Amino acid sequence: MPPLSTPVEPVTPDPPGSIDRPLLTQSWLDVAMVHWAADPADVAGLLPAGARPDTLDGATYVGLIAFRMHGVGWLGLPGVPYLGNFAETNVRLYSVDGHGRRGVVFRSMDASRLIPVLLGRAGFGLPYLWSRMSVRRTGDVFSYTGSRRWPGPRGAHYRMVVRTGERIDEPTPLEHFLTARWGLHNTFLGRSLYLRNAHPRWPLHRAELLECQENLVAAAGLPAPQGAPASVLFSPGVQAHFTLPTGPVTAT
């Protein structure tokens, strides 16, 4: 691939700017973040045109991110009751574009509400999938389960259980790299786009992965994870704001 046209933006725990008039507002609650190291060569072909794998010390990462979506609202309006609250689990990759903007790329976004799935697919081209899902808490243990309904592949499923640990006062460079993401790269109607977001600094806790049975990563076109994860984190959550998408992702 050609070299980046501009320097890559730094990894910062706080967003580079505020979003005063958001297109979309939502909260991500009870967030479990499990990551495995990956070869950038296994990831490069799965990213939108103009984006390449973002790396730290030569490695990129595959994330399995499970949480509760809460209070989804449009144009600064209050969150939509019922439809704006649902369980979600994402398989995501890490990317950087020709403008040096770091972001994430979603390979799959399982959610338990059909209407948000349809809106996300039709309105933004995001890989939302309708699934049976649950998030349960027992003390400091959180359990996330799901099985895919539509559009498939049917049989894609997961069960992930984490125990939360101590609060992280100063995240490591890897923990910053995986969580300080202020946009997403996506392809919609044949165009590569960038959607910027902003939210408060993540309140992070270290976590222990007690159980992980899943085939979502392989269903997303990636090699199945091998061995222990490189990082397991938990956050009680943040409220995020999104702008309208911009493009292209390749600098001219």
C-alpha atoms as a PDB file:
ATOM      1  CA  MET A   1       0.000   0.000   0.000  1.00  0.00           C
ATOM      2  CA  PRO A   2       1.204   3.582  -0.572  1.00  0.00           C
ATOM      3  CA  PRO A   3       2.610   5.539   2.378  1.00  0.00           C
ATOM      4  CA  LEU A   4       0.297   7.681   4.450  1.00  0.00           C
ATOM      5  CA  SER A   5      -0.107  11.185   3.034  1.00  0.00           C
ATOM      6  CA  THR A   6       0.007  12.918   6.417  1.00  0.00           C
ATOM      7  CA  PRO A   7       1.419  12.060   9.858  1.00  0.00           C
ATOM      8  CA  VAL A   8      -0.688   9.764  12.003  1.00  0.00           C
ATOM      9  CA  GLU A   9      -2.517  11.594  14.777  1.00  0.00           C
ATOM     10  CA  PRO A  10      -1.323  10.807  18.319  1.00  0.00           C
ATOM     11  CA  VAL A  11      -3.189   8.430  20.612  1.00  0.00           C
ATOM     12  CA  THR A  12      -4.918  10.671  23.156  1.00  0.00           C
ATOM     13  CA  PRO A  13      -7.175   9.519  26.046  1.00  0.00           C
ATOM     14  CA  ASP A  14      -9.425  12.554  25.490  1.00  0.00           C
ATOM     15  CA  PRO A  15     -11.130  13.417  22.185  1.00  0.00           C
ATOM     16  CA  PRO A  16      -9.374  15.984  19.986  1.00  0.00           C
ATOM     17  CA  GLY A  17     -12.490  18.187  20.031  1.00  0.00           C
ATOM     18  CA  SER A  18     -16.094  18.402  21.190  1.00  0.00           C
ATOM     19  CA  ILE A  19     -19.197  17.731  19.120  1.00  0.00           C
ATOM     20  CA  ASP A  20     -21.669  20.510  19.871  1.00  0.00           C
ATOM     21  CA  ARG A  21     -24.429  19.420  17.487  1.00  0.00           C
ATOM     22  CA  PRO A  22     -24.367  15.627  17.409  1.00  0.00           C
ATOM     23  CA  LEU A  23     -26.105  13.581  14.787  1.00  0.00           C
ATOM     24  CA  LEU A  24     -26.385  10.695  17.239  1.00  0.00           C
ATOM     25  CA  THR A  25     -26.061  10.288  21.002  1.00  0.00           C
ATOM     26  CA  GLN A  26     -25.763   6.959  22.818  1.00  0.00           C
ATOM     27  CA  SER A  27     -24.356   5.436  26.000  1.00  0.00           C
ATOM     28  CA  TRP A  28     -22.242   2.289  26.150  1.00  0.00           C
ATOM     29  CA  LEU A  29     -22.683   0.583  29.546  1.00  0.00           C
ATOM     30  CA  ASP A  30     -21.119  -2.461  31.258  1.00  0.00           C
ATOM     31  CA  VAL A  31     -18.507  -2.726  28.529  1.00  0.00           C
ATOM     32  CA  ALA A  32     -16.262  -5.803  28.344  1.00  0.00           C
ATOM     33  CA  MET A  33     -13.315  -5.440  25.937  1.00  0.00           C
ATOM     34  CA  VAL A  34     -11.337  -8.555  25.016  1.00  0.00           C
ATOM     35  CA  HIS A  35      -8.493  -8.260  22.501  1.00  0.00           C
ATOM     36  CA  TRP A  36      -6.146 -10.617  20.722  1.00  0.00           C
ATOM     37  CA  ALA A  37      -3.031  -9.638  18.798  1.00  0.00           C
ATOM     38  CA  ALA A  38      -3.258 -10.151  15.022  1.00  0.00           C
ATOM     39  CA  ASP A  39      -0.981 -10.083  12.008  1.00  0.00           C
ATOM     40  CA  PRO A  40      -1.651  -6.880  10.019  1.00  0.00           C
ATOM     41  CA  ALA A  41      -1.547  -8.985   6.834  1.00  0.00           C
ATOM     42  CA  ASP A  42      -4.613 -10.928   8.035  1.00  0.00           C
ATOM     43  CA  VAL A  43      -6.532  -7.673   8.562  1.00  0.00           C
ATOM     44  CA  ALA A  44      -5.530  -5.406   5.671  1.00  0.00           C
ATOM     45  CA  GLY A  45      -7.920  -6.888   3.115  1.00  0.00           C
ATOM     46  CA  LEU A  46     -10.911  -6.426   5.437  1.00  0.00           C
ATOM     47  CA  LEU A  47     -10.632  -2.637   5.781  1.00  0.00           C
ATOM     48  CA  PRO A  48     -12.331   0.058   3.689  1.00  0.00           C
ATOM     49  CA  ALA A  49     -10.415   1.429   0.707  1.00  0.00           C
ATOM     50  CA  GLY A  50      -7.936   4.064   1.845  1.00  0.00           C
ATOM     51  CA  ALA A  51      -7.542   2.632   5.353  1.00  0.00           C
ATOM     52  CA  ARG A  52      -4.822   0.331   6.617  1.00  0.00           C
ATOM     53  CA  PRO A  53      -4.259  -1.602   9.871  1.00  0.00           C
ATOM     54  CA  ASP A  54      -3.216   0.585  12.776  1.00  0.00           C
ATOM     55  CA  THR A  55      -0.374  -1.049  14.666  1.00  0.00           C
ATOM     56  CA  LEU A  56       1.457  -0.801  17.964  1.00  0.00           C
ATOM     57  CA  ASP A  57       4.960  -2.291  18.039  1.00  0.00           C
ATOM     58  CA  GLY A  58       4.224  -4.089  14.778  1.00  0.00           C
ATOM     59  CA  ALA A  59       0.972  -5.772  15.851  1.00  0.00           C
ATOM     60  CA  THR A  60      -2.636  -4.918  15.255  1.00  0.00           C
ATOM     61  CA  TYR A  61      -5.582  -6.238  17.269  1.00  0.00           C
ATOM     62  CA  VAL A  62      -8.976  -7.905  16.982  1.00  0.00           C
ATOM     63  CA  GLY A  63     -11.503  -6.866  19.603  1.00  0.00           C
ATOM     64  CA  LEU A  64     -14.598  -8.636  20.897  1.00  0.00           C
ATOM     65  CA  ILE A  65     -16.556  -5.861  22.621  1.00  0.00           C
ATOM     66  CA  ALA A  66     -19.767  -6.660  24.540  1.00  0.00           C
ATOM     67  CA  PHE A  67     -21.973  -4.055  26.231  1.00  0.00           C
ATOM     68  CA  ARG A  68     -25.398  -2.566  26.790  1.00  0.00           C
ATOM     69  CA  MET A  69     -26.464   0.172  24.391  1.00  0.00           C
ATOM     70  CA  HIS A  70     -28.594   2.748  26.212  1.00  0.00           C
ATOM     71  CA  GLY A  71     -30.448   5.942  25.384  1.00  0.00           C
ATOM     72  CA  VAL A  72     -29.875   6.139  21.630  1.00  0.00           C
ATOM     73  CA  GLY A  73     -31.125   9.529  20.471  1.00  0.00           C
ATOM     74  CA  TRP A  74     -30.964  11.650  17.321  1.00  0.00           C
ATOM     75  CA  LEU A  75     -30.076  15.328  16.826  1.00  0.00           C
ATOM     76  CA  GLY A  76     -29.711  16.022  20.532  1.00  0.00           C
ATOM     77  CA  LEU A  77     -33.161  14.669  21.393  1.00  0.00           C
ATOM     78  CA  PRO A  78     -33.710  12.324  24.361  1.00  0.00           C
ATOM     79  CA  GLY A  79     -33.054   8.641  23.862  1.00  0.00           C
ATOM     80  CA  VAL A  80     -35.761   6.566  22.216  1.00  0.00           C
ATOM     81  CA  PRO A  81     -37.565   4.347  24.793  1.00  0.00           C
ATOM     82  CA  TYR A  82     -37.238   0.588  24.315  1.00  0.00           C
ATOM     83  CA  LEU A  83     -35.735   0.724  20.798  1.00  0.00           C
ATOM     84  CA  GLY A  84     -32.809   2.787  22.083  1.00  0.00           C
ATOM     85  CA  ASN A  85     -31.832   0.221  24.720  1.00  0.00           C
ATOM     86  CA  PHE A  86     -30.407  -3.171  23.753  1.00  0.00           C
ATOM     87  CA  ALA A  87     -27.491  -5.559  24.108  1.00  0.00           C
ATOM     88  CA  GLU A  88     -24.738  -5.365  21.498  1.00  0.00           C
ATOM     89  CA  THR A  89     -21.497  -7.199  20.752  1.00  0.00           C
ATOM     90  CA  ASN A  90     -18.974  -6.101  18.131  1.00  0.00           C
ATOM     91  CA  VAL A  91     -16.008  -7.634  16.370  1.00  0.00           C
ATOM     92  CA  ARG A  92     -13.747  -4.718  15.530  1.00  0.00           C
ATOM     93  CA  LEU A  93     -10.391  -3.903  13.980  1.00  0.00           C
ATOM     94  CA  TYR A  94      -8.065  -0.898  14.259  1.00  0.00           C
ATOM     95  CA  SER A  95      -7.413   1.402  11.328  1.00  0.00           C
ATOM     96  CA  VAL A  96      -5.728   4.578  10.134  1.00  0.00           C
ATOM     97  CA  ASP A  97      -6.466   6.489   6.918  1.00  0.00           C
ATOM     98  CA  GLY A  98      -4.632   8.722   4.485  1.00  0.00           C
ATOM     99  CA  HIS A  99      -5.394  11.782   6.614  1.00  0.00           C
ATOM    100  CA  GLY A 100      -3.694  10.142   9.599  1.00  0.00           C
ATOM    101  CA  ARG A 101      -7.006   9.655  11.424  1.00  0.00           C
ATOM    102  CA  ARG A 102      -7.112   6.625  13.690  1.00  0.00           C
ATOM    103  CA  GLY A 103     -10.344   4.699  14.034  1.00  0.00           C
ATOM    104  CA  VAL A 104     -12.048   1.352  14.264  1.00  0.00           C
ATOM    105  CA  VAL A 105     -13.623  -0.851  11.620  1.00  0.00           C
ATOM    106  CA  PHE A 106     -16.566  -3.015  12.586  1.00  0.00           C
ATOM    107  CA  ARG A 107     -16.637  -6.455  11.037  1.00  0.00           C
ATOM    108  CA  SER A 108     -19.858  -7.430  12.807  1.00  0.00           C
ATOM    109  CA  MET A 109     -22.292  -5.713  15.175  1.00  0.00           C
ATOM    110  CA  ASP A 110     -24.733  -8.140  16.800  1.00  0.00           C
ATOM    111  CA  ALA A 111     -27.703  -6.398  18.441  1.00  0.00           C
ATOM    112  CA  SER A 112     -30.901  -7.604  20.095  1.00  0.00           C
ATOM    113  CA  ARG A 113     -33.339  -5.074  18.531  1.00  0.00           C
ATOM    114  CA  LEU A 114     -34.375  -5.607  14.910  1.00  0.00           C
ATOM    115  CA  ILE A 115     -35.351  -2.016  14.053  1.00  0.00           C
ATOM    116  CA  PRO A 116     -31.966  -0.516  15.088  1.00  0.00           C
ATOM    117  CA  VAL A 117     -30.308  -3.304  13.088  1.00  0.00           C
ATOM    118  CA  LEU A 118     -32.288  -2.352   9.973  1.00  0.00           C
ATOM    119  CA  LEU A 119     -31.615   1.378  10.476  1.00  0.00           C
ATOM    120  CA  GLY A 120     -27.892   0.842  11.003  1.00  0.00           C
ATOM    121  CA  ARG A 121     -27.601  -1.279   7.871  1.00  0.00           C
ATOM    122  CA  ALA A 122     -29.740   0.944   5.620  1.00  0.00           C
ATOM    123  CA  GLY A 123     -28.720   4.357   6.961  1.00  0.00           C
ATOM    124  CA  PHE A 124     -24.976   3.883   7.501  1.00  0.00           C
ATOM    125  CA  GLY A 125     -24.011   0.606   5.832  1.00  0.00           C
ATOM    126  CA  LEU A 126     -22.872  -0.797   9.168  1.00  0.00           C
ATOM    127  CA  PRO A 127     -22.680  -4.608   9.538  1.00  0.00           C
ATOM    128  CA  TYR A 128     -25.495  -4.872  12.092  1.00  0.00           C
ATOM    129  CA  LEU A 129     -26.954  -8.351  12.692  1.00  0.00           C
ATOM    130  CA  TRP A 130     -30.060  -9.348  14.627  1.00  0.00           C
ATOM    131  CA  SER A 131     -29.298 -11.745  17.490  1.00  0.00           C
ATOM    132  CA  ARG A 132     -30.743 -13.194  20.669  1.00  0.00           C
ATOM    133  CA  MET A 133     -28.646 -11.646  23.417  1.00  0.00           C
ATOM    134  CA  SER A 134     -28.393 -11.108  27.154  1.00  0.00           C
ATOM    135  CA  VAL A 135     -26.201  -9.242  29.638  1.00  0.00           C
ATOM    136  CA  ARG A 136     -26.316 -10.402  33.256  1.00  0.00           C
ATOM    137  CA  ARG A 137     -24.484  -9.300  36.380  1.00  0.00           C
ATOM    138  CA  THR A 138     -23.793 -11.232  39.575  1.00  0.00           C
ATOM    139  CA  GLY A 139     -21.682  -9.127  41.925  1.00  0.00           C
ATOM    140  CA  ASP A 140     -18.484  -8.307  40.057  1.00  0.00           C
ATOM    141  CA  VAL A 141     -19.069 -10.938  37.350  1.00  0.00           C
ATOM    142  CA  PHE A 142     -20.686 -10.005  34.013  1.00  0.00           C
ATOM    143  CA  SER A 143     -21.985 -12.594  31.541  1.00  0.00           C
ATOM    144  CA  TYR A 144     -22.674 -11.827  27.871  1.00  0.00           C
ATOM    145  CA  THR A 145     -24.350 -14.339  25.573  1.00  0.00           C
ATOM    146  CA  GLY A 146     -25.781 -14.251  22.075  1.00  0.00           C
ATOM    147  CA  SER A 147     -26.760 -16.298  19.026  1.00  0.00           C
ATOM    148  CA  ARG A 148     -27.317 -14.844  15.574  1.00  0.00           C
ATOM    149  CA  ARG A 149     -30.748 -14.710  13.963  1.00  0.00           C
ATOM    150  CA  TRP A 150     -30.420 -12.668  10.749  1.00  0.00           C
ATOM    151  CA  PRO A 151     -28.914 -12.304   8.213  1.00  0.00           C
ATOM    152  CA  GLY A 152     -26.342 -14.874   9.292  1.00  0.00           C
ATOM    153  CA  PRO A 153     -24.327 -16.902   9.271  1.00  0.00           C
ATOM    154  CA  ARG A 154     -26.818 -18.692  11.469  1.00  0.00           C
ATOM    155  CA  GLY A 155     -25.066 -20.521  14.257  1.00  0.00           C
ATOM    156  CA  ALA A 156     -22.694 -17.666  14.998  1.00  0.00           C
ATOM    157  CA  HIS A 157     -22.714 -17.372  18.779  1.00  0.00           C
ATOM    158  CA  TYR A 158     -20.741 -16.429  21.863  1.00  0.00           C
ATOM    159  CA  ARG A 159     -20.648 -16.653  25.632  1.00  0.00           C
ATOM    160  CA  MET A 160     -18.221 -14.401  27.461  1.00  0.00           C
ATOM    161  CA  VAL A 161     -17.854 -14.045  31.227  1.00  0.00           C
ATOM    162  CA  VAL A 162     -15.562 -11.501  32.906  1.00  0.00           C
ATOM    163  CA  ARG A 163     -14.801 -10.552  36.490  1.00  0.00           C
ATOM    164  CA  THR A 164     -14.020  -6.889  37.054  1.00  0.00           C
ATOM    165  CA  GLY A 165     -10.899  -5.874  38.946  1.00  0.00           C
ATOM    166  CA  GLU A 166      -9.136  -2.753  40.135  1.00  0.00           C
ATOM    167  CA  ARG A 167      -9.621   0.676  38.601  1.00  0.00           C
ATOM    168  CA  ILE A 168      -6.824   1.679  36.223  1.00  0.00           C
ATOM    169  CA  ASP A 169      -5.354   5.057  37.168  1.00  0.00           C
ATOM    170  CA  GLU A 170      -2.863   5.212  34.294  1.00  0.00           C
ATOM    171  CA  PRO A 171      -3.549   2.944  31.315  1.00  0.00           C
ATOM    172  CA  THR A 172      -0.637   1.305  29.532  1.00  0.00           C
ATOM    173  CA  PRO A 173       0.235   2.313  25.953  1.00  0.00           C
ATOM    174  CA  LEU A 174      -1.669  -0.756  24.708  1.00  0.00           C
ATOM    175  CA  GLU A 175      -4.744   0.088  26.802  1.00  0.00           C
ATOM    176  CA  HIS A 176      -4.720   3.640  25.406  1.00  0.00           C
ATOM    177  CA  PHE A 177      -4.258   2.301  21.864  1.00  0.00           C
ATOM    178  CA  LEU A 178      -7.264  -0.012  22.144  1.00  0.00           C
ATOM    179  CA  THR A 179      -9.690   2.404  23.812  1.00  0.00           C
ATOM    180  CA  ALA A 180      -8.778   5.971  22.731  1.00  0.00           C
ATOM    181  CA  ARG A 181     -10.555   5.825  19.367  1.00  0.00           C
ATOM    182  CA  TRP A 182     -12.309   8.928  18.072  1.00  0.00           C
ATOM    183  CA  GLY A 183     -13.885   7.709  14.868  1.00  0.00           C
ATOM    184  CA  LEU A 184     -14.813   4.774  12.677  1.00  0.00           C
ATOM    185  CA  HIS A 185     -14.000   3.900   9.082  1.00  0.00           C
ATOM    186  CA  ASN A 186     -16.761   2.408   6.981  1.00  0.00           C
ATOM    187  CA  THR A 187     -17.851   1.800   3.389  1.00  0.00           C
ATOM    188  CA  PHE A 188     -21.311   3.031   2.400  1.00  0.00           C
ATOM    189  CA  LEU A 189     -22.766   3.067  -1.120  1.00  0.00           C
ATOM    190  CA  GLY A 190     -19.325   2.462  -2.554  1.00  0.00           C
ATOM    191  CA  ARG A 191     -17.642   5.336  -0.654  1.00  0.00           C
ATOM    192  CA  SER A 192     -15.125   5.062   2.159  1.00  0.00           C
ATOM    193  CA  LEU A 193     -16.256   7.315   5.008  1.00  0.00           C
ATOM    194  CA  TYR A 194     -15.087   8.442   8.434  1.00  0.00           C
ATOM    195  CA  LEU A 195     -17.536   9.029  11.294  1.00  0.00           C
ATOM    196  CA  ARG A 196     -16.096  11.036  14.203  1.00  0.00           C
ATOM    197  CA  ASN A 197     -17.143  10.540  17.830  1.00  0.00           C
ATOM    198  CA  ALA A 198     -16.395  12.138  21.195  1.00  0.00           C
ATOM    199  CA  HIS A 199     -16.953  10.988  24.761  1.00  0.00           C
ATOM    200  CA  PRO A 200     -15.401  11.461  28.214  1.00  0.00           C
ATOM    201  CA  ARG A 201     -12.225   9.610  29.062  1.00  0.00           C
ATOM    202  CA  TRP A 202     -12.943   5.906  29.587  1.00  0.00           C
ATOM    203  CA  PRO A 203     -13.176   4.818  33.256  1.00  0.00           C
ATOM    204  CA  LEU A 204     -11.266   1.548  32.888  1.00  0.00           C
ATOM    205  CA  HIS A 205     -10.852  -1.501  35.093  1.00  0.00           C
ATOM    206  CA  ARG A 206      -8.667  -4.508  34.554  1.00  0.00           C
ATOM    207  CA  ALA A 207     -10.697  -7.691  34.226  1.00  0.00           C
ATOM    208  CA  GLU A 208     -10.302 -11.455  34.249  1.00  0.00           C
ATOM    209  CA  LEU A 209     -11.731 -13.517  31.417  1.00  0.00           C
ATOM    210  CA  LEU A 210     -13.468 -16.442  33.132  1.00  0.00           C
ATOM    211  CA  GLU A 211     -15.061 -17.960  30.038  1.00  0.00           C
ATOM    212  CA  CYS A 212     -15.007 -17.283  26.307  1.00  0.00           C
ATOM    213  CA  GLN A 213     -16.743 -19.547  23.831  1.00  0.00           C
ATOM    214  CA  GLU A 214     -17.301 -17.820  20.516  1.00  0.00           C
ATOM    215  CA  ASN A 215     -17.143 -18.106  16.749  1.00  0.00           C
ATOM    216  CA  LEU A 216     -18.010 -14.480  15.927  1.00  0.00           C
ATOM    217  CA  VAL A 217     -14.396 -13.640  15.059  1.00  0.00           C
ATOM    218  CA  ALA A 218     -14.164 -16.450  12.497  1.00  0.00           C
ATOM    219  CA  ALA A 219     -17.627 -15.568  11.144  1.00  0.00           C
ATOM    220  CA  ALA A 220     -16.290 -12.034  10.574  1.00  0.00           C
ATOM    221  CA  GLY A 221     -13.661 -13.384   8.170  1.00  0.00           C
ATOM    222  CA  LEU A 222     -10.719 -13.425  10.593  1.00  0.00           C
ATOM    223  CA  PRO A 223      -8.555 -16.257  11.892  1.00  0.00           C
ATOM    224  CA  ALA A 224     -10.043 -17.661  15.100  1.00  0.00           C
ATOM    225  CA  PRO A 225      -8.176 -16.348  18.173  1.00  0.00           C
ATOM    226  CA  GLN A 226      -5.438 -18.607  19.476  1.00  0.00           C
ATOM    227  CA  GLY A 227      -4.209 -18.561  23.060  1.00  0.00           C
ATOM    228  CA  ALA A 228      -4.836 -16.070  25.823  1.00  0.00           C
ATOM    229  CA  PRO A 229      -6.013 -12.550  24.955  1.00  0.00           C
ATOM    230  CA  ALA A 230      -3.513  -9.698  24.969  1.00  0.00           C
ATOM    231  CA  SER A 231      -5.881  -7.464  26.969  1.00  0.00           C
ATOM    232  CA  VAL A 232      -9.068  -7.830  29.010  1.00  0.00           C
ATOM    233  CA  LEU A 233     -10.715  -4.608  30.206  1.00  0.00           C
ATOM    234  CA  PHE A 234     -14.033  -3.510  31.673  1.00  0.00           C
ATOM    235  CA  SER A 235     -15.704  -0.115  31.870  1.00  0.00           C
ATOM    236  CA  PRO A 236     -18.967   0.945  33.538  1.00  0.00           C
ATOM    237  CA  GLY A 237     -19.431   3.081  30.456  1.00  0.00           C
ATOM    238  CA  VAL A 238     -19.535   6.483  28.773  1.00  0.00           C
ATOM    239  CA  GLN A 239     -21.947   8.619  26.761  1.00  0.00           C
ATOM    240  CA  ALA A 240     -20.796   9.214  23.178  1.00  0.00           C
ATOM    241  CA  HIS A 241     -21.698  11.716  20.447  1.00  0.00           C
ATOM    242  CA  PHE A 242     -21.318  11.184  16.690  1.00  0.00           C
ATOM    243  CA  THR A 243     -21.092  13.574  13.736  1.00  0.00           C
ATOM    244  CA  LEU A 244     -22.229  13.161  10.161  1.00  0.00           C
ATOM    245  CA  PRO A 245     -19.887  10.942   8.133  1.00  0.00           C
ATOM    246  CA  THR A 246     -17.139  12.601   6.087  1.00  0.00           C
ATOM    247  CA  GLY A 247     -15.013  11.301   3.242  1.00  0.00           C
ATOM    248  CA  PRO A 248     -12.923  10.264   1.471  1.00  0.00           C
ATOM    249  CA  VAL A 249     -10.493   8.537   3.808  1.00  0.00           C
ATOM    250  CA  THR A 250      -7.541   8.928   1.416  1.00  0.00           C
ATOM    251  CA  ALA A 251      -5.812  12.303   1.374  1.00  0.00           C
ATOM    252  CA  THR A 252      -5.369  13.972  -2.020  1.00  0.00           C
END
